Amino acid sequence: MSNTLIIYSTVDGQTKVICEFVQGISEGAGDSVTLASLEDAQGLNLSYFDKILIGASIRYGKHRPDLYQYINRHQAVLNAKKNAFFSVNVVARKPEKNTPETNPYMKKFLALSLWKPQQLGVFAGKIDYPKYRFFDKTMIRFIMWMTKGPTDTSEAYEFTDWEQVEEFAKAFTDR
């Protein structure tokens, strides 16, 4: 049994939903799991955990600056543990951009981060137009129009491939 920490950095909540899914698989395998937002993780002692997973979403082409600050501050401990990282972004809805090797945001993360995770994942996120404020709805709709994605703002669109998430979670749990 491992003592596992799962940290999420999310804007609209899909990354947290994915982390909760991973938590369920890890707990089902007998691990003790602590799930924490990036903000709550600031107060945790990382040396207490055997395994650490961080999941982070993209908004307007970037991971949140707090994510890089946290990772860079704790990189020594992260590197000493069994660890993994995944990015959630709508670009990953496209088959040619849904792997760590082909996803532009994962490539950017690896270039900017001092931490080099042992396991990487990329998952397509969710667009929930009815939940967005006017500005976000307009900007995301424009981005979707440019990239040939859904533009009907009365709908929500989930692109997450849950089988892909399950494979990632099992591999992380078995580490």
N, C-alpha and C. Protein backbone atom coordinates (compact mmCIF):
# COMPACT_ATOMS: atom_id res chain seq x y z
N MET A 1 0.85 -1.19 0.00
CA MET A 1 0.00 0.00 0.00
C MET A 1 0.89 1.25 0.00
N SER A 2 0.60 2.14 -0.91
CA SER A 2 1.35 3.39 -1.01
C SER A 2 0.54 4.55 -0.46
N ASN A 3 1.26 5.52 0.06
CA ASN A 3 0.65 6.76 0.48
C ASN A 3 0.81 7.73 -0.69
N THR A 4 -0.29 8.07 -1.33
CA THR A 4 -0.28 8.79 -2.60
C THR A 4 -0.89 10.17 -2.45
N LEU A 5 -0.27 11.15 -3.10
CA LEU A 5 -0.80 12.51 -3.16
C LEU A 5 -1.16 12.81 -4.61
N ILE A 6 -2.39 13.26 -4.81
CA ILE A 6 -2.83 13.71 -6.13
C ILE A 6 -3.18 15.19 -6.01
N ILE A 7 -2.48 16.00 -6.79
CA ILE A 7 -2.67 17.46 -6.78
C ILE A 7 -3.29 17.87 -8.10
N TYR A 8 -4.28 18.75 -8.03
CA TYR A 8 -4.89 19.25 -9.27
C TYR A 8 -4.84 20.76 -9.33
N SER A 9 -4.59 21.25 -10.54
CA SER A 9 -4.66 22.67 -10.86
C SER A 9 -5.70 22.79 -11.96
N THR A 10 -6.84 23.38 -11.62
CA THR A 10 -7.96 23.40 -12.56
C THR A 10 -8.59 24.77 -12.64
N VAL A 11 -9.18 25.07 -13.77
CA VAL A 11 -9.90 26.33 -13.94
C VAL A 11 -11.40 26.08 -13.86
N ASP A 12 -11.88 25.11 -14.62
CA ASP A 12 -13.32 24.84 -14.67
C ASP A 12 -13.75 23.54 -14.01
N GLY A 13 -12.79 22.74 -13.52
CA GLY A 13 -13.15 21.57 -12.75
C GLY A 13 -12.90 20.22 -13.40
N GLN A 14 -12.66 20.15 -14.72
CA GLN A 14 -12.48 18.85 -15.37
C GLN A 14 -11.22 18.14 -14.88
N THR A 15 -10.17 18.88 -14.61
CA THR A 15 -8.94 18.26 -14.11
C THR A 15 -9.19 17.63 -12.75
N LYS A 16 -9.97 18.28 -11.91
CA LYS A 16 -10.31 17.69 -10.61
C LYS A 16 -11.12 16.41 -10.81
N VAL A 17 -12.06 16.41 -11.74
CA VAL A 17 -12.87 15.21 -12.02
C VAL A 17 -11.96 14.06 -12.46
N ILE A 18 -10.99 14.35 -13.30
CA ILE A 18 -10.04 13.33 -13.74
C ILE A 18 -9.21 12.83 -12.55
N CYS A 19 -8.77 13.73 -11.70
CA CYS A 19 -8.00 13.34 -10.52
C CYS A 19 -8.84 12.47 -9.57
N GLU A 20 -10.10 12.79 -9.42
CA GLU A 20 -10.98 11.97 -8.59
C GLU A 20 -11.13 10.57 -9.17
N PHE A 21 -11.18 10.47 -10.47
CA PHE A 21 -11.24 9.17 -11.15
C PHE A 21 -9.97 8.36 -10.86
N VAL A 22 -8.82 9.00 -10.98
CA VAL A 22 -7.54 8.34 -10.67
C VAL A 22 -7.50 7.95 -9.20
N GLN A 23 -8.00 8.81 -8.34
CA GLN A 23 -8.05 8.52 -6.91
C GLN A 23 -8.84 7.22 -6.66
N GLY A 24 -9.97 7.07 -7.33
CA GLY A 24 -10.80 5.88 -7.16
C GLY A 24 -10.05 4.61 -7.56
N ILE A 25 -9.31 4.69 -8.64
CA ILE A 25 -8.54 3.52 -9.09
C ILE A 25 -7.41 3.22 -8.11
N SER A 26 -6.74 4.25 -7.64
CA SER A 26 -5.64 4.05 -6.69
C SER A 26 -6.15 3.48 -5.37
N GLU A 27 -7.25 4.01 -4.88
CA GLU A 27 -7.81 3.50 -3.64
C GLU A 27 -8.32 2.07 -3.81
N GLY A 28 -8.87 1.78 -4.98
CA GLY A 28 -9.33 0.43 -5.28
C GLY A 28 -8.19 -0.58 -5.28
N ALA A 29 -6.98 -0.10 -5.57
CA ALA A 29 -5.80 -0.96 -5.55
C ALA A 29 -5.15 -1.02 -4.17
N GLY A 30 -5.74 -0.33 -3.19
CA GLY A 30 -5.24 -0.38 -1.83
C GLY A 30 -4.40 0.79 -1.38
N ASP A 31 -4.21 1.77 -2.24
CA ASP A 31 -3.42 2.94 -1.85
C ASP A 31 -4.24 3.87 -0.95
N SER A 32 -3.55 4.57 -0.08
CA SER A 32 -4.15 5.64 0.71
C SER A 32 -3.90 6.93 -0.07
N VAL A 33 -4.97 7.64 -0.44
CA VAL A 33 -4.83 8.78 -1.34
C VAL A 33 -5.31 10.07 -0.69
N THR A 34 -4.48 11.09 -0.82
CA THR A 34 -4.85 12.45 -0.44
C THR A 34 -5.03 13.23 -1.73
N LEU A 35 -6.21 13.82 -1.91
CA LEU A 35 -6.50 14.65 -3.08
C LEU A 35 -6.49 16.10 -2.62
N ALA A 36 -5.72 16.95 -3.30
CA ALA A 36 -5.59 18.34 -2.88
C ALA A 36 -5.50 19.26 -4.08
N SER A 37 -6.12 20.43 -3.95
CA SER A 37 -5.93 21.47 -4.97
C SER A 37 -4.50 21.98 -4.86
N LEU A 38 -4.03 22.62 -5.89
CA LEU A 38 -2.68 23.19 -5.87
C LEU A 38 -2.54 24.15 -4.69
N GLU A 39 -3.57 24.91 -4.43
CA GLU A 39 -3.54 25.86 -3.30
C GLU A 39 -3.42 25.14 -1.97
N ASP A 40 -4.19 24.06 -1.78
CA ASP A 40 -4.14 23.31 -0.53
C ASP A 40 -2.83 22.53 -0.38
N ALA A 41 -2.24 22.14 -1.49
CA ALA A 41 -0.99 21.38 -1.44
C ALA A 41 0.17 22.21 -0.90
N GLN A 42 0.03 23.53 -0.92
CA GLN A 42 1.10 24.40 -0.41
C GLN A 42 1.44 24.05 1.04
N GLY A 43 0.42 23.62 1.80
CA GLY A 43 0.64 23.35 3.22
C GLY A 43 0.96 21.90 3.54
N LEU A 44 1.15 21.06 2.53
CA LEU A 44 1.41 19.64 2.77
C LEU A 44 2.91 19.35 2.76
N ASN A 45 3.31 18.39 3.59
CA ASN A 45 4.69 17.93 3.62
C ASN A 45 4.83 16.80 2.61
N LEU A 46 5.46 17.06 1.49
CA LEU A 46 5.56 16.09 0.41
C LEU A 46 6.38 14.87 0.78
N SER A 47 7.28 15.00 1.74
CA SER A 47 8.12 13.86 2.13
C SER A 47 7.29 12.73 2.75
N TYR A 48 6.08 13.02 3.18
CA TYR A 48 5.18 12.04 3.78
C TYR A 48 4.65 11.04 2.75
N PHE A 49 4.67 11.40 1.48
CA PHE A 49 4.04 10.59 0.44
C PHE A 49 5.05 9.73 -0.32
N ASP A 50 4.59 8.55 -0.75
CA ASP A 50 5.41 7.64 -1.55
C ASP A 50 5.33 8.00 -3.04
N LYS A 51 4.14 8.40 -3.47
CA LYS A 51 3.88 8.72 -4.88
C LYS A 51 3.16 10.06 -4.96
N ILE A 52 3.50 10.83 -6.01
CA ILE A 52 2.87 12.14 -6.20
C ILE A 52 2.47 12.27 -7.67
N LEU A 53 1.23 12.62 -7.89
CA LEU A 53 0.69 12.88 -9.22
C LEU A 53 0.18 14.31 -9.25
N ILE A 54 0.52 15.04 -10.30
CA ILE A 54 0.00 16.39 -10.49
C ILE A 54 -0.72 16.43 -11.84
N GLY A 55 -1.95 16.93 -11.82
CA GLY A 55 -2.72 17.15 -13.04
C GLY A 55 -3.02 18.63 -13.17
N ALA A 56 -2.87 19.16 -14.37
CA ALA A 56 -3.05 20.60 -14.57
C ALA A 56 -3.73 20.90 -15.90
N SER A 57 -4.61 21.87 -15.86
CA SER A 57 -5.34 22.25 -17.07
C SER A 57 -4.68 23.44 -17.77
N ILE A 58 -5.07 23.59 -19.01
CA ILE A 58 -4.63 24.70 -19.85
C ILE A 58 -5.79 25.67 -20.01
N ARG A 59 -5.49 26.95 -19.94
CA ARG A 59 -6.48 27.97 -20.30
C ARG A 59 -5.75 29.00 -21.13
N TYR A 60 -6.28 29.26 -22.31
CA TYR A 60 -5.69 30.21 -23.25
C TYR A 60 -4.22 29.91 -23.52
N GLY A 61 -3.93 28.63 -23.68
CA GLY A 61 -2.61 28.21 -24.09
C GLY A 61 -1.56 28.08 -23.01
N LYS A 62 -1.95 28.20 -21.73
CA LYS A 62 -0.95 28.18 -20.67
C LYS A 62 -1.43 27.40 -19.45
N HIS A 63 -0.47 26.74 -18.79
CA HIS A 63 -0.73 26.24 -17.44
C HIS A 63 -0.63 27.46 -16.51
N ARG A 64 -1.27 27.37 -15.37
CA ARG A 64 -1.24 28.49 -14.42
C ARG A 64 0.18 28.73 -13.90
N PRO A 65 0.59 29.99 -13.74
CA PRO A 65 1.93 30.30 -13.22
C PRO A 65 2.20 29.66 -11.86
N ASP A 66 1.17 29.54 -11.02
CA ASP A 66 1.33 28.92 -9.69
C ASP A 66 1.84 27.49 -9.81
N LEU A 67 1.46 26.81 -10.89
CA LEU A 67 1.89 25.43 -11.09
C LEU A 67 3.42 25.37 -11.21
N TYR A 68 3.98 26.20 -12.05
CA TYR A 68 5.43 26.21 -12.24
C TYR A 68 6.16 26.61 -10.96
N GLN A 69 5.62 27.57 -10.24
CA GLN A 69 6.23 28.00 -8.98
C GLN A 69 6.26 26.84 -7.99
N TYR A 70 5.15 26.12 -7.88
CA TYR A 70 5.06 24.99 -6.96
C TYR A 70 6.05 23.89 -7.35
N ILE A 71 6.01 23.51 -8.61
CA ILE A 71 6.89 22.44 -9.09
C ILE A 71 8.36 22.81 -8.93
N ASN A 72 8.72 24.00 -9.30
CA ASN A 72 10.12 24.41 -9.20
C ASN A 72 10.58 24.49 -7.74
N ARG A 73 9.68 24.88 -6.85
CA ARG A 73 10.02 24.95 -5.42
C ARG A 73 10.21 23.55 -4.83
N HIS A 74 9.46 22.57 -5.35
CA HIS A 74 9.47 21.22 -4.76
C HIS A 74 10.11 20.17 -5.66
N GLN A 75 10.84 20.58 -6.67
CA GLN A 75 11.35 19.62 -7.65
C GLN A 75 12.23 18.54 -7.04
N ALA A 76 13.03 18.86 -6.04
CA ALA A 76 13.91 17.85 -5.43
C ALA A 76 13.09 16.72 -4.80
N VAL A 77 12.04 17.08 -4.08
CA VAL A 77 11.19 16.07 -3.44
C VAL A 77 10.41 15.31 -4.51
N LEU A 78 9.87 16.02 -5.49
CA LEU A 78 9.14 15.36 -6.57
C LEU A 78 10.01 14.32 -7.27
N ASN A 79 11.26 14.69 -7.56
CA ASN A 79 12.16 13.78 -8.26
C ASN A 79 12.54 12.57 -7.41
N ALA A 80 12.47 12.71 -6.10
CA ALA A 80 12.83 11.61 -5.20
C ALA A 80 11.69 10.60 -5.01
N LYS A 81 10.52 10.94 -5.47
CA LYS A 81 9.34 10.09 -5.30
C LYS A 81 8.96 9.44 -6.62
N LYS A 82 8.14 8.40 -6.56
CA LYS A 82 7.47 7.93 -7.76
C LYS A 82 6.51 9.04 -8.14
N ASN A 83 6.52 9.46 -9.39
CA ASN A 83 5.75 10.64 -9.74
C ASN A 83 5.20 10.57 -11.15
N ALA A 84 4.21 11.43 -11.38
CA ALA A 84 3.58 11.52 -12.70
C ALA A 84 2.95 12.90 -12.85
N PHE A 85 2.75 13.27 -14.11
CA PHE A 85 2.11 14.54 -14.44
C PHE A 85 1.21 14.33 -15.66
N PHE A 86 0.05 14.99 -15.63
CA PHE A 86 -0.77 15.02 -16.83
C PHE A 86 -1.30 16.41 -17.06
N SER A 87 -1.53 16.71 -18.34
CA SER A 87 -2.08 17.99 -18.76
C SER A 87 -3.45 17.75 -19.38
N VAL A 88 -4.37 18.63 -19.09
CA VAL A 88 -5.72 18.56 -19.64
C VAL A 88 -5.92 19.77 -20.55
N ASN A 89 -6.21 19.49 -21.82
CA ASN A 89 -6.44 20.58 -22.76
C ASN A 89 -7.33 20.10 -23.90
N VAL A 90 -8.06 21.01 -24.49
CA VAL A 90 -9.01 20.65 -25.53
C VAL A 90 -8.31 20.33 -26.85
N VAL A 91 -7.09 20.80 -27.03
CA VAL A 91 -6.32 20.44 -28.22
C VAL A 91 -6.16 18.92 -28.30
N ALA A 92 -6.09 18.27 -27.15
CA ALA A 92 -5.90 16.81 -27.09
C ALA A 92 -7.12 16.04 -27.61
N ARG A 93 -8.18 16.74 -27.99
CA ARG A 93 -9.32 16.05 -28.60
C ARG A 93 -8.95 15.52 -29.98
N LYS A 94 -7.88 16.06 -30.55
CA LYS A 94 -7.43 15.65 -31.87
C LYS A 94 -6.43 14.50 -31.72
N PRO A 95 -6.66 13.40 -32.43
CA PRO A 95 -5.79 12.22 -32.28
C PRO A 95 -4.30 12.51 -32.50
N GLU A 96 -4.00 13.44 -33.35
CA GLU A 96 -2.59 13.74 -33.63
C GLU A 96 -1.95 14.63 -32.56
N LYS A 97 -2.73 15.01 -31.53
CA LYS A 97 -2.19 15.87 -30.47
C LYS A 97 -2.54 15.37 -29.07
N ASN A 98 -2.79 14.05 -28.94
CA ASN A 98 -3.25 13.55 -27.64
C ASN A 98 -2.25 12.65 -26.93
N THR A 99 -0.97 12.78 -27.26
CA THR A 99 0.06 12.05 -26.54
C THR A 99 1.08 13.05 -26.00
N PRO A 100 1.86 12.65 -24.99
CA PRO A 100 2.88 13.56 -24.47
C PRO A 100 3.90 13.99 -25.54
N GLU A 101 4.14 13.11 -26.51
CA GLU A 101 5.11 13.43 -27.55
C GLU A 101 4.56 14.39 -28.60
N THR A 102 3.24 14.44 -28.77
CA THR A 102 2.66 15.25 -29.84
C THR A 102 1.87 16.46 -29.36
N ASN A 103 1.63 16.55 -28.07
CA ASN A 103 0.81 17.65 -27.56
C ASN A 103 1.67 18.90 -27.35
N PRO A 104 1.30 20.02 -27.96
CA PRO A 104 2.13 21.23 -27.84
C PRO A 104 2.23 21.77 -26.41
N TYR A 105 1.19 21.57 -25.62
CA TYR A 105 1.22 22.09 -24.24
C TYR A 105 2.10 21.24 -23.34
N MET A 106 2.17 19.94 -23.60
CA MET A 106 3.08 19.09 -22.84
C MET A 106 4.52 19.43 -23.20
N LYS A 107 4.77 19.65 -24.48
CA LYS A 107 6.12 20.03 -24.90
C LYS A 107 6.53 21.35 -24.23
N LYS A 108 5.61 22.29 -24.19
CA LYS A 108 5.88 23.58 -23.56
C LYS A 108 6.13 23.41 -22.05
N PHE A 109 5.31 22.56 -21.41
CA PHE A 109 5.48 22.29 -19.98
C PHE A 109 6.89 21.75 -19.72
N LEU A 110 7.27 20.75 -20.48
CA LEU A 110 8.58 20.12 -20.26
C LEU A 110 9.73 21.10 -20.51
N ALA A 111 9.54 22.03 -21.41
CA ALA A 111 10.57 23.04 -21.68
C ALA A 111 10.67 24.06 -20.54
N LEU A 112 9.55 24.36 -19.89
CA LEU A 112 9.52 25.40 -18.85
C LEU A 112 9.74 24.87 -17.44
N SER A 113 9.49 23.60 -17.22
CA SER A 113 9.54 23.02 -15.87
C SER A 113 10.93 22.48 -15.55
N LEU A 114 11.35 22.70 -14.31
CA LEU A 114 12.60 22.10 -13.85
C LEU A 114 12.41 20.62 -13.54
N TRP A 115 11.18 20.21 -13.28
CA TRP A 115 10.83 18.82 -12.96
C TRP A 115 10.61 18.04 -14.26
N LYS A 116 11.15 16.85 -14.31
CA LYS A 116 10.94 15.95 -15.45
C LYS A 116 10.22 14.71 -14.92
N PRO A 117 8.89 14.69 -15.01
CA PRO A 117 8.11 13.58 -14.44
C PRO A 117 8.46 12.23 -15.06
N GLN A 118 8.30 11.17 -14.25
CA GLN A 118 8.57 9.81 -14.69
C GLN A 118 7.48 9.28 -15.63
N GLN A 119 6.27 9.71 -15.40
CA GLN A 119 5.14 9.27 -16.22
C GLN A 119 4.38 10.52 -16.69
N LEU A 120 4.04 10.55 -17.96
CA LEU A 120 3.34 11.70 -18.53
C LEU A 120 2.03 11.26 -19.16
N GLY A 121 1.03 12.14 -19.08
CA GLY A 121 -0.24 11.89 -19.74
C GLY A 121 -0.82 13.17 -20.28
N VAL A 122 -1.62 13.03 -21.31
CA VAL A 122 -2.34 14.16 -21.91
C VAL A 122 -3.77 13.71 -22.13
N PHE A 123 -4.71 14.49 -21.61
CA PHE A 123 -6.12 14.16 -21.75
C PHE A 123 -6.90 15.34 -22.29
N ALA A 124 -7.84 15.03 -23.16
CA ALA A 124 -8.73 16.07 -23.67
C ALA A 124 -9.66 16.49 -22.54
N GLY A 125 -9.99 17.75 -22.51
CA GLY A 125 -10.82 18.29 -21.44
C GLY A 125 -12.28 18.42 -21.83
N LYS A 126 -12.86 19.48 -21.36
CA LYS A 126 -14.29 19.71 -21.52
C LYS A 126 -14.51 21.18 -21.82
N ILE A 127 -15.46 21.45 -22.69
CA ILE A 127 -15.92 22.82 -22.93
C ILE A 127 -17.34 22.88 -22.42
N ASP A 128 -17.58 23.78 -21.48
CA ASP A 128 -18.90 23.90 -20.87
C ASP A 128 -19.40 25.33 -21.08
N TYR A 129 -19.79 25.61 -22.32
CA TYR A 129 -20.20 26.97 -22.67
C TYR A 129 -21.22 27.58 -21.70
N PRO A 130 -22.29 26.86 -21.31
CA PRO A 130 -23.28 27.48 -20.43
C PRO A 130 -22.71 27.97 -19.09
N LYS A 131 -21.59 27.39 -18.66
CA LYS A 131 -20.97 27.78 -17.39
C LYS A 131 -20.10 29.03 -17.50
N TYR A 132 -19.65 29.36 -18.70
CA TYR A 132 -18.68 30.43 -18.87
C TYR A 132 -19.31 31.81 -18.82
N ARG A 133 -18.49 32.76 -18.36
CA ARG A 133 -18.88 34.17 -18.45
C ARG A 133 -18.80 34.59 -19.91
N PHE A 134 -19.35 35.74 -20.21
CA PHE A 134 -19.42 36.21 -21.60
C PHE A 134 -18.06 36.22 -22.29
N PHE A 135 -17.05 36.78 -21.63
CA PHE A 135 -15.73 36.89 -22.25
C PHE A 135 -15.17 35.52 -22.59
N ASP A 136 -15.17 34.61 -21.62
CA ASP A 136 -14.63 33.26 -21.85
C ASP A 136 -15.44 32.53 -22.91
N LYS A 137 -16.74 32.65 -22.85
CA LYS A 137 -17.59 31.99 -23.85
C LYS A 137 -17.24 32.48 -25.26
N THR A 138 -17.07 33.77 -25.41
CA THR A 138 -16.76 34.36 -26.70
C THR A 138 -15.37 33.94 -27.18
N MET A 139 -14.38 34.00 -26.30
CA MET A 139 -13.01 33.65 -26.68
C MET A 139 -12.89 32.16 -27.01
N ILE A 140 -13.47 31.32 -26.18
CA ILE A 140 -13.37 29.88 -26.42
C ILE A 140 -14.13 29.50 -27.69
N ARG A 141 -15.27 30.14 -27.91
CA ARG A 141 -16.03 29.87 -29.14
C ARG A 141 -15.19 30.26 -30.37
N PHE A 142 -14.51 31.39 -30.30
CA PHE A 142 -13.66 31.83 -31.40
C PHE A 142 -12.52 30.83 -31.64
N ILE A 143 -11.88 30.38 -30.55
CA ILE A 143 -10.80 29.40 -30.66
C ILE A 143 -11.34 28.10 -31.28
N MET A 144 -12.52 27.68 -30.85
CA MET A 144 -13.11 26.46 -31.41
C MET A 144 -13.45 26.64 -32.89
N TRP A 145 -13.94 27.80 -33.25
CA TRP A 145 -14.24 28.07 -34.66
C TRP A 145 -12.96 27.96 -35.49
N MET A 146 -11.86 28.54 -34.98
CA MET A 146 -10.59 28.51 -35.70
C MET A 146 -10.04 27.09 -35.83
N THR A 147 -10.30 26.25 -34.82
CA THR A 147 -9.72 24.90 -34.81
C THR A 147 -10.75 23.83 -35.18
N LYS A 148 -11.87 24.27 -35.75
CA LYS A 148 -12.92 23.37 -36.22
C LYS A 148 -13.53 22.52 -35.11
N GLY A 149 -13.71 23.16 -33.95
CA GLY A 149 -14.35 22.50 -32.82
C GLY A 149 -15.80 22.96 -32.70
N PRO A 150 -16.50 22.51 -31.67
CA PRO A 150 -17.91 22.87 -31.50
C PRO A 150 -18.07 24.33 -31.08
N THR A 151 -19.06 24.99 -31.67
CA THR A 151 -19.27 26.41 -31.38
C THR A 151 -20.67 26.73 -30.86
N ASP A 152 -21.52 25.74 -30.70
CA ASP A 152 -22.86 25.97 -30.17
C ASP A 152 -22.74 26.25 -28.67
N THR A 153 -22.95 27.51 -28.28
CA THR A 153 -22.73 27.91 -26.89
C THR A 153 -23.85 27.50 -25.94
N SER A 154 -24.85 26.82 -26.43
CA SER A 154 -25.91 26.33 -25.53
C SER A 154 -25.58 24.94 -24.99
N GLU A 155 -24.46 24.38 -25.44
CA GLU A 155 -24.11 23.00 -25.09
C GLU A 155 -22.78 22.91 -24.32
N ALA A 156 -22.59 21.78 -23.64
CA ALA A 156 -21.31 21.40 -23.04
C ALA A 156 -20.78 20.22 -23.84
N TYR A 157 -19.46 20.16 -23.99
CA TYR A 157 -18.83 19.11 -24.78
C TYR A 157 -17.69 18.50 -23.97
N GLU A 158 -17.81 17.23 -23.64
CA GLU A 158 -16.74 16.55 -22.93
C GLU A 158 -15.97 15.69 -23.93
N PHE A 159 -14.66 15.90 -23.97
CA PHE A 159 -13.80 15.18 -24.89
C PHE A 159 -12.92 14.15 -24.20
N THR A 160 -12.98 14.07 -22.89
CA THR A 160 -12.10 13.19 -22.13
C THR A 160 -12.32 11.73 -22.52
N ASP A 161 -11.23 11.06 -22.85
CA ASP A 161 -11.24 9.64 -23.17
C ASP A 161 -10.97 8.89 -21.85
N TRP A 162 -12.04 8.39 -21.25
CA TRP A 162 -11.93 7.78 -19.92
C TRP A 162 -11.14 6.47 -19.93
N GLU A 163 -11.13 5.77 -21.03
CA GLU A 163 -10.29 4.56 -21.14
C GLU A 163 -8.82 4.94 -21.09
N GLN A 164 -8.47 6.02 -21.75
CA GLN A 164 -7.09 6.52 -21.72
C GLN A 164 -6.71 6.93 -20.30
N VAL A 165 -7.63 7.60 -19.60
CA VAL A 165 -7.38 8.01 -18.22
C VAL A 165 -7.20 6.77 -17.34
N GLU A 166 -8.04 5.77 -17.55
CA GLU A 166 -7.95 4.54 -16.75
C GLU A 166 -6.60 3.84 -16.95
N GLU A 167 -6.13 3.76 -18.18
CA GLU A 167 -4.82 3.15 -18.46
C GLU A 167 -3.70 3.91 -17.73
N PHE A 168 -3.78 5.23 -17.80
CA PHE A 168 -2.79 6.08 -17.13
C PHE A 168 -2.83 5.83 -15.62
N ALA A 169 -4.05 5.81 -15.06
CA ALA A 169 -4.22 5.63 -13.62
C ALA A 169 -3.68 4.28 -13.15
N LYS A 170 -3.96 3.23 -13.91
CA LYS A 170 -3.47 1.90 -13.55
C LYS A 170 -1.95 1.85 -13.61
N ALA A 171 -1.37 2.47 -14.63
CA ALA A 171 0.10 2.50 -14.72
C ALA A 171 0.70 3.28 -13.55
N PHE A 172 0.06 4.38 -13.17
CA PHE A 172 0.54 5.16 -12.02
C PHE A 172 0.39 4.37 -10.74
N THR A 173 -0.71 3.71 -10.56
CA THR A 173 -0.97 2.94 -9.34
C THR A 173 0.01 1.77 -9.22
N ASP A 174 0.39 1.19 -10.34
CA ASP A 174 1.31 0.04 -10.33
C ASP A 174 2.76 0.44 -10.13
N ARG A 175 3.07 1.73 -10.20
CA ARG A 175 4.47 2.19 -10.08
C ARG A 175 5.03 1.83 -8.73
